[in-house]
Amino acid sequence: IVLPWMLGYLLSWWPLETFPRGWVAAAIWGLIATPVIVVAGWREH
């Protein structure tokens, strides 16, 4: 669910240039989702 949100914000910044802060929102969503990806690779005790 984060991927289209992140991509939408990124594309609104570049190349469409309709939302100047799109790169910030894309980066935030990407950073928020990163721990999920990391934990998915963890082995549980």
PDB file of all heavy atoms in Angstrom:
ATOM      1  N   ILE A   1       0.825  -1.208   0.000  1.00  0.00           N
ATOM      2  CA  ILE A   1       0.000   0.000   0.000  1.00  0.00           C
ATOM      3  C   ILE A   1       0.864   1.265   0.000  1.00  0.00           C
ATOM      4  O   ILE A   1       0.447   2.306  -0.501  1.00  0.00           O
ATOM      5  CB  ILE A   1      -1.011   0.006   1.174  1.00  0.00           C
ATOM      6  CG1 ILE A   1      -2.005   1.153   1.033  1.00  0.00           C
ATOM      7  CG2 ILE A   1      -0.297   0.109   2.505  1.00  0.00           C
ATOM      8  CD1 ILE A   1      -2.849   1.108  -0.211  1.00  0.00           C
ATOM      9  N   VAL A   2       2.075   1.177   0.525  1.00  0.00           N
ATOM     10  CA  VAL A   2       2.948   2.350   0.567  1.00  0.00           C
ATOM     11  C   VAL A   2       3.545   2.656  -0.807  1.00  0.00           C
ATOM     12  O   VAL A   2       3.760   3.821  -1.147  1.00  0.00           O
ATOM     13  CB  VAL A   2       4.064   2.151   1.615  1.00  0.00           C
ATOM     14  CG1 VAL A   2       5.113   3.238   1.528  1.00  0.00           C
ATOM     15  CG2 VAL A   2       3.465   2.130   3.010  1.00  0.00           C
ATOM     16  N   LEU A   3       3.802   1.623  -1.600  1.00  0.00           N
ATOM     17  CA  LEU A   3       4.485   1.829  -2.884  1.00  0.00           C
ATOM     18  C   LEU A   3       3.756   2.802  -3.821  1.00  0.00           C
ATOM     19  O   LEU A   3       4.381   3.728  -4.332  1.00  0.00           O
ATOM     20  CB  LEU A   3       4.734   0.481  -3.569  1.00  0.00           C
ATOM     21  CG  LEU A   3       5.766  -0.399  -2.874  1.00  0.00           C
ATOM     22  CD1 LEU A   3       5.870  -1.743  -3.582  1.00  0.00           C
ATOM     23  CD2 LEU A   3       7.113   0.275  -2.809  1.00  0.00           C
ATOM     24  N   PRO A   4       2.451   2.641  -4.077  1.00  0.00           N
ATOM     25  CA  PRO A   4       1.804   3.617  -4.961  1.00  0.00           C
ATOM     26  C   PRO A   4       1.771   5.014  -4.340  1.00  0.00           C
ATOM     27  O   PRO A   4       1.898   6.018  -5.059  1.00  0.00           O
ATOM     28  CB  PRO A   4       0.391   3.074  -5.171  1.00  0.00           C
ATOM     29  CG  PRO A   4       0.193   2.036  -4.140  1.00  0.00           C
ATOM     30  CD  PRO A   4       1.550   1.573  -3.706  1.00  0.00           C
ATOM     31  N   TRP A   5       1.630   5.089  -3.036  1.00  0.00           N
ATOM     32  CA  TRP A   5       1.617   6.383  -2.339  1.00  0.00           C
ATOM     33  C   TRP A   5       2.953   7.083  -2.540  1.00  0.00           C
ATOM     34  O   TRP A   5       3.025   8.254  -2.892  1.00  0.00           O
ATOM     35  CB  TRP A   5       1.349   6.130  -0.858  1.00  0.00           C
ATOM     36  CG  TRP A   5       0.385   7.062  -0.215  1.00  0.00           C
ATOM     37  CD1 TRP A   5       0.689   7.963   0.751  1.00  0.00           C
ATOM     38  CD2 TRP A   5      -1.015   7.192  -0.444  1.00  0.00           C
ATOM     39  NE1 TRP A   5      -0.442   8.638   1.132  1.00  0.00           N
ATOM     40  CE2 TRP A   5      -1.505   8.179   0.414  1.00  0.00           C
ATOM     41  CE3 TRP A   5      -1.913   6.563  -1.303  1.00  0.00           C
ATOM     42  CZ2 TRP A   5      -2.833   8.566   0.446  1.00  0.00           C
ATOM     43  CZ3 TRP A   5      -3.233   6.937  -1.270  1.00  0.00           C
ATOM     44  CH2 TRP A   5      -3.687   7.922  -0.417  1.00  0.00           C
ATOM     45  N   MET A   6       4.027   6.346  -2.331  1.00  0.00           N
ATOM     46  CA  MET A   6       5.372   6.877  -2.485  1.00  0.00           C
ATOM     47  C   MET A   6       5.640   7.281  -3.938  1.00  0.00           C
ATOM     48  O   MET A   6       6.146   8.372  -4.218  1.00  0.00           O
ATOM     49  CB  MET A   6       6.364   5.801  -2.044  1.00  0.00           C
ATOM     50  CG  MET A   6       7.725   6.304  -1.714  1.00  0.00           C
ATOM     51  SD  MET A   6       8.734   5.001  -0.969  1.00  0.00           S
ATOM     52  CE  MET A   6       8.992   3.913  -2.346  1.00  0.00           C
ATOM     53  N   LEU A   7       5.278   6.407  -4.851  1.00  0.00           N
ATOM     54  CA  LEU A   7       5.492   6.687  -6.273  1.00  0.00           C
ATOM     55  C   LEU A   7       4.653   7.871  -6.739  1.00  0.00           C
ATOM     56  O   LEU A   7       5.132   8.712  -7.499  1.00  0.00           O
ATOM     57  CB  LEU A   7       5.165   5.440  -7.103  1.00  0.00           C
ATOM     58  CG  LEU A   7       5.509   5.492  -8.584  1.00  0.00           C
ATOM     59  CD1 LEU A   7       6.997   5.727  -8.781  1.00  0.00           C
ATOM     60  CD2 LEU A   7       5.072   4.215  -9.263  1.00  0.00           C
ATOM     61  N   GLY A   8       3.410   7.958  -6.275  1.00  0.00           N
ATOM     62  CA  GLY A   8       2.556   9.088  -6.638  1.00  0.00           C
ATOM     63  C   GLY A   8       3.148  10.418  -6.202  1.00  0.00           C
ATOM     64  O   GLY A   8       3.158  11.387  -6.967  1.00  0.00           O
ATOM     65  N   TYR A   9       3.648  10.455  -4.976  1.00  0.00           N
ATOM     66  CA  TYR A   9       4.277  11.686  -4.488  1.00  0.00           C
ATOM     67  C   TYR A   9       5.547  12.001  -5.256  1.00  0.00           C
ATOM     68  O   TYR A   9       5.806  13.154  -5.607  1.00  0.00           O
ATOM     69  CB  TYR A   9       4.590  11.577  -2.998  1.00  0.00           C
ATOM     70  CG  TYR A   9       3.424  11.909  -2.110  1.00  0.00           C
ATOM     71  CD1 TYR A   9       2.881  10.960  -1.258  1.00  0.00           C
ATOM     72  CD2 TYR A   9       2.858  13.182  -2.110  1.00  0.00           C
ATOM     73  CE1 TYR A   9       1.812  11.259  -0.432  1.00  0.00           C
ATOM     74  CE2 TYR A   9       1.792  13.493  -1.287  1.00  0.00           C
ATOM     75  CZ  TYR A   9       1.271  12.525  -0.450  1.00  0.00           C
ATOM     76  OH  TYR A   9       0.212  12.831   0.362  1.00  0.00           O
ATOM     77  N   LEU A  10       6.342  10.975  -5.536  1.00  0.00           N
ATOM     78  CA  LEU A  10       7.593  11.193  -6.257  1.00  0.00           C
ATOM     79  C   LEU A  10       7.339  11.730  -7.661  1.00  0.00           C
ATOM     80  O   LEU A  10       7.978  12.690  -8.103  1.00  0.00           O
ATOM     81  CB  LEU A  10       8.393   9.887  -6.310  1.00  0.00           C
ATOM     82  CG  LEU A  10       9.829   9.991  -6.791  1.00  0.00           C
ATOM     83  CD1 LEU A  10      10.642  10.912  -5.882  1.00  0.00           C
ATOM     84  CD2 LEU A  10      10.458   8.610  -6.831  1.00  0.00           C
ATOM     85  N   LEU A  11       6.373  11.142  -8.357  1.00  0.00           N
ATOM     86  CA  LEU A  11       6.059  11.599  -9.709  1.00  0.00           C
ATOM     87  C   LEU A  11       5.384  12.964  -9.715  1.00  0.00           C
ATOM     88  O   LEU A  11       5.485  13.704 -10.701  1.00  0.00           O
ATOM     89  CB  LEU A  11       5.192  10.572 -10.430  1.00  0.00           C
ATOM     90  CG  LEU A  11       5.888   9.242 -10.756  1.00  0.00           C
ATOM     91  CD1 LEU A  11       4.902   8.260 -11.373  1.00  0.00           C
ATOM     92  CD2 LEU A  11       7.085   9.453 -11.662  1.00  0.00           C
ATOM     93  N   SER A  12       4.710  13.316  -8.633  1.00  0.00           N
ATOM     94  CA  SER A  12       4.109  14.660  -8.565  1.00  0.00           C
ATOM     95  C   SER A  12       5.186  15.728  -8.411  1.00  0.00           C
ATOM     96  O   SER A  12       4.969  16.884  -8.752  1.00  0.00           O
ATOM     97  CB  SER A  12       3.112  14.746  -7.410  1.00  0.00           C
ATOM     98  OG  SER A  12       3.779  14.753  -6.170  1.00  0.00           O
ATOM     99  N   TRP A  13       6.336  15.320  -7.891  1.00  0.00           N
ATOM    100  CA  TRP A  13       7.454  16.250  -7.768  1.00  0.00           C
ATOM    101  C   TRP A  13       8.237  16.303  -9.078  1.00  0.00           C
ATOM    102  O   TRP A  13       8.485  17.369  -9.623  1.00  0.00           O
ATOM    103  CB  TRP A  13       8.362  15.818  -6.614  1.00  0.00           C
ATOM    104  CG  TRP A  13       9.681  16.502  -6.580  1.00  0.00           C
ATOM    105  CD1 TRP A  13       9.914  17.831  -6.350  1.00  0.00           C
ATOM    106  CD2 TRP A  13      10.954  15.903  -6.790  1.00  0.00           C
ATOM    107  NE1 TRP A  13      11.251  18.101  -6.406  1.00  0.00           N
ATOM    108  CE2 TRP A  13      11.929  16.918  -6.673  1.00  0.00           C
ATOM    109  CE3 TRP A  13      11.376  14.608  -7.060  1.00  0.00           C
ATOM    110  CZ2 TRP A  13      13.277  16.686  -6.806  1.00  0.00           C
ATOM    111  CZ3 TRP A  13      12.713  14.367  -7.194  1.00  0.00           C
ATOM    112  CH2 TRP A  13      13.656  15.392  -7.067  1.00  0.00           C
ATOM    113  N   TRP A  14       8.598  15.130  -9.586  1.00  0.00           N
ATOM    114  CA  TRP A  14       9.327  15.053 -10.843  1.00  0.00           C
ATOM    115  C   TRP A  14       8.873  13.823 -11.586  1.00  0.00           C
ATOM    116  O   TRP A  14       8.818  12.746 -10.986  1.00  0.00           O
ATOM    117  CB  TRP A  14      10.834  14.949 -10.570  1.00  0.00           C
ATOM    118  CG  TRP A  14      11.630  14.967 -11.811  1.00  0.00           C
ATOM    119  CD1 TRP A  14      12.023  16.054 -12.519  1.00  0.00           C
ATOM    120  CD2 TRP A  14      12.114  13.829 -12.521  1.00  0.00           C
ATOM    121  NE1 TRP A  14      12.723  15.663 -13.613  1.00  0.00           N
ATOM    122  CE2 TRP A  14      12.792  14.301 -13.646  1.00  0.00           C
ATOM    123  CE3 TRP A  14      12.014  12.451 -12.335  1.00  0.00           C
ATOM    124  CZ2 TRP A  14      13.374  13.451 -14.571  1.00  0.00           C
ATOM    125  CZ3 TRP A  14      12.605  11.608 -13.245  1.00  0.00           C
ATOM    126  CH2 TRP A  14      13.285  12.114 -14.360  1.00  0.00           C
ATOM    127  N   PRO A  15       8.416  13.889 -12.748  1.00  0.00           N
ATOM    128  CA  PRO A  15       8.555  14.933 -13.752  1.00  0.00           C
ATOM    129  C   PRO A  15       7.360  15.896 -13.838  1.00  0.00           C
ATOM    130  O   PRO A  15       7.441  16.891 -14.550  1.00  0.00           O
ATOM    131  CB  PRO A  15       8.675  14.136 -15.052  1.00  0.00           C
ATOM    132  CG  PRO A  15       7.836  12.922 -14.812  1.00  0.00           C
ATOM    133  CD  PRO A  15       7.991  12.620 -13.333  1.00  0.00           C
ATOM    134  N   LEU A  16       6.271  15.619 -13.153  1.00  0.00           N
ATOM    135  CA  LEU A  16       5.062  16.435 -13.323  1.00  0.00           C
ATOM    136  C   LEU A  16       5.182  17.825 -12.719  1.00  0.00           C
ATOM    137  O   LEU A  16       4.525  18.757 -13.179  1.00  0.00           O
ATOM    138  CB  LEU A  16       3.850  15.715 -12.726  1.00  0.00           C
ATOM    139  CG  LEU A  16       3.514  14.360 -13.346  1.00  0.00           C
ATOM    140  CD1 LEU A  16       2.333  13.729 -12.630  1.00  0.00           C
ATOM    141  CD2 LEU A  16       3.224  14.517 -14.828  1.00  0.00           C
ATOM    142  N   GLU A  17       5.961  17.974 -11.666  1.00  0.00           N
ATOM    143  CA  GLU A  17       6.185  19.255 -10.998  1.00  0.00           C
ATOM    144  C   GLU A  17       4.900  19.924 -10.527  1.00  0.00           C
ATOM    145  O   GLU A  17       4.758  21.136 -10.569  1.00  0.00           O
ATOM    146  CB  GLU A  17       6.996  20.199 -11.895  1.00  0.00           C
ATOM    147  CG  GLU A  17       8.365  19.659 -12.230  1.00  0.00           C
ATOM    148  CD  GLU A  17       9.163  20.555 -13.138  1.00  0.00           C
ATOM    149  OE1 GLU A  17       8.697  21.651 -13.499  1.00  0.00           O
ATOM    150  OE2 GLU A  17      10.289  20.150 -13.481  1.00  0.00           O
ATOM    151  N   THR A  18       3.940  19.120 -10.060  1.00  0.00           N
ATOM    152  CA  THR A  18       2.692  19.679  -9.529  1.00  0.00           C
ATOM    153  C   THR A  18       2.729  19.826  -8.014  1.00  0.00           C
ATOM    154  O   THR A  18       1.889  20.508  -7.443  1.00  0.00           O
ATOM    155  CB  THR A  18       1.483  18.780  -9.899  1.00  0.00           C
ATOM    156  OG1 THR A  18       1.728  17.458  -9.409  1.00  0.00           O
ATOM    157  CG2 THR A  18       1.261  18.759 -11.400  1.00  0.00           C
ATOM    158  N   PHE A  19       3.699  19.186  -7.380  1.00  0.00           N
ATOM    159  CA  PHE A  19       3.804  19.240  -5.925  1.00  0.00           C
ATOM    160  C   PHE A  19       5.274  19.333  -5.548  1.00  0.00           C
ATOM    161  O   PHE A  19       5.981  18.330  -5.504  1.00  0.00           O
ATOM    162  CB  PHE A  19       3.159  17.985  -5.319  1.00  0.00           C
ATOM    163  CG  PHE A  19       3.016  18.024  -3.828  1.00  0.00           C
ATOM    164  CD1 PHE A  19       2.437  19.105  -3.174  1.00  0.00           C
ATOM    165  CD2 PHE A  19       3.435  16.945  -3.063  1.00  0.00           C
ATOM    166  CE1 PHE A  19       2.299  19.124  -1.801  1.00  0.00           C
ATOM    167  CE2 PHE A  19       3.289  16.952  -1.677  1.00  0.00           C
ATOM    168  CZ  PHE A  19       2.724  18.049  -1.048  1.00  0.00           C
ATOM    169  N   PRO A  20       5.778  20.548  -5.277  1.00  0.00           N
ATOM    170  CA  PRO A  20       7.207  20.741  -5.018  1.00  0.00           C
ATOM    171  C   PRO A  20       7.759  19.926  -3.847  1.00  0.00           C
ATOM    172  O   PRO A  20       8.932  19.592  -3.824  1.00  0.00           O
ATOM    173  CB  PRO A  20       7.331  22.236  -4.715  1.00  0.00           C
ATOM    174  CG  PRO A  20       6.076  22.862  -5.206  1.00  0.00           C
ATOM    175  CD  PRO A  20       5.028  21.795  -5.237  1.00  0.00           C
ATOM    176  N   ARG A  21       6.925  19.593  -2.891  1.00  0.00           N
ATOM    177  CA  ARG A  21       7.390  18.819  -1.736  1.00  0.00           C
ATOM    178  C   ARG A  21       7.146  17.322  -1.912  1.00  0.00           C
ATOM    179  O   ARG A  21       7.249  16.558  -0.966  1.00  0.00           O
ATOM    180  CB  ARG A  21       6.694  19.314  -0.478  1.00  0.00           C
ATOM    181  CG  ARG A  21       7.104  20.699  -0.067  1.00  0.00           C
ATOM    182  CD  ARG A  21       6.425  21.079   1.201  1.00  0.00           C
ATOM    183  NE  ARG A  21       6.387  19.906   2.070  1.00  0.00           N
ATOM    184  CZ  ARG A  21       6.518  19.930   3.366  1.00  0.00           C
ATOM    185  NH1 ARG A  21       6.675  21.054   3.967  1.00  0.00           N
ATOM    186  NH2 ARG A  21       6.471  18.824   4.081  1.00  0.00           N
ATOM    187  N   GLY A  22       6.827  16.897  -3.111  1.00  0.00           N
ATOM    188  CA  GLY A  22       6.551  15.485  -3.362  1.00  0.00           C
ATOM    189  C   GLY A  22       7.705  14.575  -2.999  1.00  0.00           C
ATOM    190  O   GLY A  22       7.503  13.473  -2.481  1.00  0.00           O
ATOM    191  N   TRP A  23       8.920  15.034  -3.235  1.00  0.00           N
ATOM    192  CA  TRP A  23      10.087  14.208  -2.900  1.00  0.00           C
ATOM    193  C   TRP A  23      10.192  13.992  -1.398  1.00  0.00           C
ATOM    194  O   TRP A  23      10.620  12.926  -0.957  1.00  0.00           O
ATOM    195  CB  TRP A  23      11.366  14.826  -3.461  1.00  0.00           C
ATOM    196  CG  TRP A  23      11.801  16.081  -2.765  1.00  0.00           C
ATOM    197  CD1 TRP A  23      11.406  17.358  -3.039  1.00  0.00           C
ATOM    198  CD2 TRP A  23      12.703  16.170  -1.662  1.00  0.00           C
ATOM    199  NE1 TRP A  23      12.002  18.239  -2.183  1.00  0.00           N
ATOM    200  CE2 TRP A  23      12.813  17.539  -1.325  1.00  0.00           C
ATOM    201  CE3 TRP A  23      13.432  15.237  -0.933  1.00  0.00           C
ATOM    202  CZ2 TRP A  23      13.614  17.994  -0.289  1.00  0.00           C
ATOM    203  CZ3 TRP A  23      14.239  15.700   0.100  1.00  0.00           C
ATOM    204  CH2 TRP A  23      14.325  17.046   0.411  1.00  0.00           C
ATOM    205  N   VAL A  24       9.778  14.994  -0.611  1.00  0.00           N
ATOM    206  CA  VAL A  24       9.823  14.865   0.849  1.00  0.00           C
ATOM    207  C   VAL A  24       8.818  13.803   1.298  1.00  0.00           C
ATOM    208  O   VAL A  24       9.139  12.911   2.089  1.00  0.00           O
ATOM    209  CB  VAL A  24       9.536  16.217   1.546  1.00  0.00           C
ATOM    210  CG1 VAL A  24       9.445  16.040   3.049  1.00  0.00           C
ATOM    211  CG2 VAL A  24      10.589  17.240   1.165  1.00  0.00           C
ATOM    212  N   ALA A  25       7.589  13.895   0.795  1.00  0.00           N
ATOM    213  CA  ALA A  25       6.556  12.925   1.166  1.00  0.00           C
ATOM    214  C   ALA A  25       6.954  11.521   0.723  1.00  0.00           C
ATOM    215  O   ALA A  25       6.764  10.554   1.478  1.00  0.00           O
ATOM    216  CB  ALA A  25       5.217  13.319   0.556  1.00  0.00           C
ATOM    217  N   ALA A  26       7.522  11.399  -0.478  1.00  0.00           N
ATOM    218  CA  ALA A  26       7.967  10.090  -0.967  1.00  0.00           C
ATOM    219  C   ALA A  26       9.061   9.521  -0.063  1.00  0.00           C
ATOM    220  O   ALA A  26       9.034   8.336   0.291  1.00  0.00           O
ATOM    221  CB  ALA A  26       8.461  10.200  -2.403  1.00  0.00           C
ATOM    222  N   ALA A  27      10.000  10.364   0.328  1.00  0.00           N
ATOM    223  CA  ALA A  27      11.087   9.909   1.204  1.00  0.00           C
ATOM    224  C   ALA A  27      10.544   9.491   2.569  1.00  0.00           C
ATOM    225  O   ALA A  27      10.966   8.464   3.127  1.00  0.00           O
ATOM    226  CB  ALA A  27      12.125  11.017   1.366  1.00  0.00           C
ATOM    227  N   ILE A  28       9.611  10.266   3.107  1.00  0.00           N
ATOM    228  CA  ILE A  28       9.043   9.929   4.409  1.00  0.00           C
ATOM    229  C   ILE A  28       8.337   8.579   4.355  1.00  0.00           C
ATOM    230  O   ILE A  28       8.542   7.724   5.224  1.00  0.00           O
ATOM    231  CB  ILE A  28       8.096  11.041   4.894  1.00  0.00           C
ATOM    232  CG1 ILE A  28       8.923  12.277   5.296  1.00  0.00           C
ATOM    233  CG2 ILE A  28       7.219  10.567   6.045  1.00  0.00           C
ATOM    234  CD1 ILE A  28       8.099  13.511   5.569  1.00  0.00           C
ATOM    235  N   TRP A  29       7.500   8.360   3.341  1.00  0.00           N
ATOM    236  CA  TRP A  29       6.794   7.077   3.242  1.00  0.00           C
ATOM    237  C   TRP A  29       7.782   5.932   3.047  1.00  0.00           C
ATOM    238  O   TRP A  29       7.610   4.847   3.601  1.00  0.00           O
ATOM    239  CB  TRP A  29       5.747   7.102   2.134  1.00  0.00           C
ATOM    240  CG  TRP A  29       4.513   7.801   2.553  1.00  0.00           C
ATOM    241  CD1 TRP A  29       4.021   8.985   2.093  1.00  0.00           C
ATOM    242  CD2 TRP A  29       3.594   7.373   3.571  1.00  0.00           C
ATOM    243  NE1 TRP A  29       2.870   9.319   2.767  1.00  0.00           N
ATOM    244  CE2 TRP A  29       2.585   8.345   3.670  1.00  0.00           C
ATOM    245  CE3 TRP A  29       3.532   6.268   4.402  1.00  0.00           C
ATOM    246  CZ2 TRP A  29       1.525   8.236   4.568  1.00  0.00           C
ATOM    247  CZ3 TRP A  29       2.483   6.150   5.301  1.00  0.00           C
ATOM    248  CH2 TRP A  29       1.483   7.142   5.376  1.00  0.00           C
ATOM    249  N   GLY A  30       8.833   6.161   2.267  1.00  0.00           N
ATOM    250  CA  GLY A  30       9.846   5.124   2.087  1.00  0.00           C
ATOM    251  C   GLY A  30      10.570   4.791   3.380  1.00  0.00           C
ATOM    252  O   GLY A  30      10.795   3.623   3.702  1.00  0.00           O
ATOM    253  N   LEU A  31      10.900   5.824   4.148  1.00  0.00           N
ATOM    254  CA  LEU A  31      11.587   5.605   5.424  1.00  0.00           C
ATOM    255  C   LEU A  31      10.669   4.971   6.459  1.00  0.00           C
ATOM    256  O   LEU A  31      11.126   4.177   7.292  1.00  0.00           O
ATOM    257  CB  LEU A  31      12.154   6.928   5.944  1.00  0.00           C
ATOM    258  CG  LEU A  31      13.330   7.468   5.121  1.00  0.00           C
ATOM    259  CD1 LEU A  31      13.670   8.895   5.541  1.00  0.00           C
ATOM    260  CD2 LEU A  31      14.539   6.562   5.259  1.00  0.00           C
ATOM    261  N   ILE A  32       9.399   5.299   6.420  1.00  0.00           N
ATOM    262  CA  ILE A  32       8.455   4.686   7.347  1.00  0.00           C
ATOM    263  C   ILE A  32       8.317   3.189   7.047  1.00  0.00           C
ATOM    264  O   ILE A  32       8.194   2.375   7.963  1.00  0.00           O
ATOM    265  CB  ILE A  32       7.081   5.393   7.281  1.00  0.00           C
ATOM    266  CG1 ILE A  32       7.173   6.773   7.925  1.00  0.00           C
ATOM    267  CG2 ILE A  32       5.999   4.558   7.942  1.00  0.00           C
ATOM    268  CD1 ILE A  32       5.929   7.634   7.738  1.00  0.00           C
ATOM    269  N   ALA A  33       8.352   2.821   5.776  1.00  0.00           N
ATOM    270  CA  ALA A  33       8.171   1.422   5.388  1.00  0.00           C
ATOM    271  C   ALA A  33       9.446   0.590   5.545  1.00  0.00           C
ATOM    272  O   ALA A  33       9.374  -0.638   5.619  1.00  0.00           O
ATOM    273  CB  ALA A  33       7.684   1.341   3.948  1.00  0.00           C
ATOM    274  N   THR A  34      10.593   1.229   5.631  1.00  0.00           N
ATOM    275  CA  THR A  34      11.858   0.498   5.706  1.00  0.00           C
ATOM    276  C   THR A  34      11.927  -0.479   6.885  1.00  0.00           C
ATOM    277  O   THR A  34      12.338  -1.637   6.698  1.00  0.00           O
ATOM    278  CB  THR A  34      13.048   1.475   5.723  1.00  0.00           C
ATOM    279  OG1 THR A  34      13.023   2.225   4.505  1.00  0.00           O
ATOM    280  CG2 THR A  34      14.373   0.755   5.869  1.00  0.00           C
ATOM    281  N   PRO A  35      11.535  -0.082   8.107  1.00  0.00           N
ATOM    282  CA  PRO A  35      11.586  -1.071   9.199  1.00  0.00           C
ATOM    283  C   PRO A  35      10.717  -2.300   8.944  1.00  0.00           C
ATOM    284  O   PRO A  35      11.056  -3.397   9.390  1.00  0.00           O
ATOM    285  CB  PRO A  35      11.071  -0.286  10.417  1.00  0.00           C
ATOM    286  CG  PRO A  35      11.330   1.139  10.084  1.00  0.00           C
ATOM    287  CD  PRO A  35      11.169   1.246   8.599  1.00  0.00           C
ATOM    288  N   VAL A  36       9.632  -2.140   8.224  1.00  0.00           N
ATOM    289  CA  VAL A  36       8.776  -3.286   7.907  1.00  0.00           C
ATOM    290  C   VAL A  36       9.560  -4.284   7.062  1.00  0.00           C
ATOM    291  O   VAL A  36       9.520  -5.497   7.310  1.00  0.00           O
ATOM    292  CB  VAL A  36       7.494  -2.831   7.171  1.00  0.00           C
ATOM    293  CG1 VAL A  36       6.688  -4.021   6.696  1.00  0.00           C
ATOM    294  CG2 VAL A  36       6.659  -1.920   8.055  1.00  0.00           C
ATOM    295  N   ILE A  37      10.281  -3.783   6.088  1.00  0.00           N
ATOM    296  CA  ILE A  37      11.080  -4.646   5.216  1.00  0.00           C
ATOM    297  C   ILE A  37      12.198  -5.318   6.015  1.00  0.00           C
ATOM    298  O   ILE A  37      12.469  -6.511   5.846  1.00  0.00           O
ATOM    299  CB  ILE A  37      11.642  -3.837   4.030  1.00  0.00           C
ATOM    300  CG1 ILE A  37      10.484  -3.311   3.167  1.00  0.00           C
ATOM    301  CG2 ILE A  37      12.609  -4.666   3.196  1.00  0.00           C
ATOM    302  CD1 ILE A  37      10.874  -2.236   2.182  1.00  0.00           C
ATOM    303  N   VAL A  38      12.829  -4.564   6.904  1.00  0.00           N
ATOM    304  CA  VAL A  38      13.912  -5.119   7.732  1.00  0.00           C
ATOM    305  C   VAL A  38      13.381  -6.222   8.639  1.00  0.00           C
ATOM    306  O   VAL A  38      13.949  -7.319   8.710  1.00  0.00           O
ATOM    307  CB  VAL A  38      14.585  -4.004   8.565  1.00  0.00           C
ATOM    308  CG1 VAL A  38      15.547  -4.585   9.588  1.00  0.00           C
ATOM    309  CG2 VAL A  38      15.311  -3.027   7.648  1.00  0.00           C
ATOM    310  N   VAL A  39      12.287  -5.958   9.326  1.00  0.00           N
ATOM    311  CA  VAL A  39      11.733  -6.935  10.269  1.00  0.00           C
ATOM    312  C   VAL A  39      11.230  -8.173   9.536  1.00  0.00           C
ATOM    313  O   VAL A  39      11.307  -9.280  10.069  1.00  0.00           O
ATOM    314  CB  VAL A  39      10.618  -6.292  11.121  1.00  0.00           C
ATOM    315  CG1 VAL A  39       9.893  -7.324  11.964  1.00  0.00           C
ATOM    316  CG2 VAL A  39      11.215  -5.219  12.020  1.00  0.00           C
ATOM    317  N   ALA A  40      10.749  -8.015   8.313  1.00  0.00           N
ATOM    318  CA  ALA A  40      10.279  -9.170   7.545  1.00  0.00           C
ATOM    319  C   ALA A  40      11.396 -10.192   7.351  1.00  0.00           C
ATOM    320  O   ALA A  40      11.136 -11.391   7.241  1.00  0.00           O
ATOM    321  CB  ALA A  40       9.728  -8.721   6.197  1.00  0.00           C
ATOM    322  N   GLY A  41      12.636  -9.744   7.366  1.00  0.00           N
ATOM    323  CA  GLY A  41      13.776 -10.646   7.208  1.00  0.00           C
ATOM    324  C   GLY A  41      14.311 -11.209   8.508  1.00  0.00           C
ATOM    325  O   GLY A  41      15.201 -12.056   8.493  1.00  0.00           O
ATOM    326  N   TRP A  42      13.803 -10.731   9.628  1.00  0.00           N
ATOM    327  CA  TRP A  42      14.262 -11.229  10.927  1.00  0.00           C
ATOM    328  C   TRP A  42      13.739 -12.625  11.182  1.00  0.00           C
ATOM    329  O   TRP A  42      12.609 -12.949  10.865  1.00  0.00           O
ATOM    330  CB  TRP A  42      13.754 -10.355  12.058  1.00  0.00           C
ATOM    331  CG  TRP A  42      14.480  -9.076  12.269  1.00  0.00           C
ATOM    332  CD1 TRP A  42      15.598  -8.626  11.638  1.00  0.00           C
ATOM    333  CD2 TRP A  42      14.099  -8.052  13.191  1.00  0.00           C
ATOM    334  NE1 TRP A  42      15.929  -7.396  12.112  1.00  0.00           N
ATOM    335  CE2 TRP A  42      15.032  -7.017  13.063  1.00  0.00           C
ATOM    336  CE3 TRP A  42      13.060  -7.908  14.102  1.00  0.00           C
ATOM    337  CZ2 TRP A  42      14.958  -5.858  13.823  1.00  0.00           C
ATOM    338  CZ3 TRP A  42      12.993  -6.759  14.855  1.00  0.00           C
ATOM    339  CH2 TRP A  42      13.940  -5.751  14.716  1.00  0.00           C
ATOM    340  N   ARG A  43      14.555 -13.401  11.843  1.00  0.00           N
ATOM    341  CA  ARG A  43      14.096 -14.699  12.341  1.00  0.00           C
ATOM    342  C   ARG A  43      13.666 -14.489  13.779  1.00  0.00           C
ATOM    343  O   ARG A  43      14.350 -13.839  14.552  1.00  0.00           O
ATOM    344  CB  ARG A  43      15.200 -15.736  12.236  1.00  0.00           C
ATOM    345  CG  ARG A  43      15.600 -15.973  10.773  1.00  0.00           C
ATOM    346  CD  ARG A  43      16.377 -17.228  10.544  1.00  0.00           C
ATOM    347  NE  ARG A  43      15.823 -18.450  11.088  1.00  0.00           N
ATOM    348  CZ  ARG A  43      14.817 -19.150  10.539  1.00  0.00           C
ATOM    349  NH1 ARG A  43      14.242 -18.731   9.455  1.00  0.00           N
ATOM    350  NH2 ARG A  43      14.414 -20.282  11.090  1.00  0.00           N
ATOM    351  N   GLU A  44      12.550 -15.046  14.119  1.00  0.00           N
ATOM    352  CA  GLU A  44      12.024 -14.921  15.481  1.00  0.00           C
ATOM    353  C   GLU A  44      12.738 -15.904  16.387  1.00  0.00           C
ATOM    354  O   GLU A  44      13.079 -17.012  15.969  1.00  0.00           O
ATOM    355  CB  GLU A  44      10.515 -15.211  15.463  1.00  0.00           C
ATOM    356  CG  GLU A  44       9.770 -14.729  16.662  1.00  0.00           C
ATOM    357  CD  GLU A  44       9.753 -13.220  16.797  1.00  0.00           C
ATOM    358  OE1 GLU A  44       9.175 -12.536  15.943  1.00  0.00           O
ATOM    359  OE2 GLU A  44      10.326 -12.724  17.779  1.00  0.00           O
ATOM    360  N   HIS A  45      12.980 -15.502  17.627  1.00  0.00           N
ATOM    361  CA  HIS A  45      13.562 -16.419  18.613  1.00  0.00           C
ATOM    362  C   HIS A  45      12.578 -17.553  18.865  1.00  0.00           C
ATOM    363  O   HIS A  45      11.368 -17.341  18.847  1.00  0.00           O
ATOM    364  CB  HIS A  45      13.833 -15.689  19.930  1.00  0.00           C
ATOM    365  CG  HIS A  45      14.888 -14.644  19.827  1.00  0.00           C
ATOM    366  ND1 HIS A  45      16.192 -14.932  19.484  1.00  0.00           N
ATOM    367  CD2 HIS A  45      14.835 -13.311  20.000  1.00  0.00           C
ATOM    368  CE1 HIS A  45      16.883 -13.823  19.465  1.00  0.00           C
ATOM    369  NE2 HIS A  45      16.090 -12.820  19.768  1.00  0.00           N
TER     370      HIS A  45
END
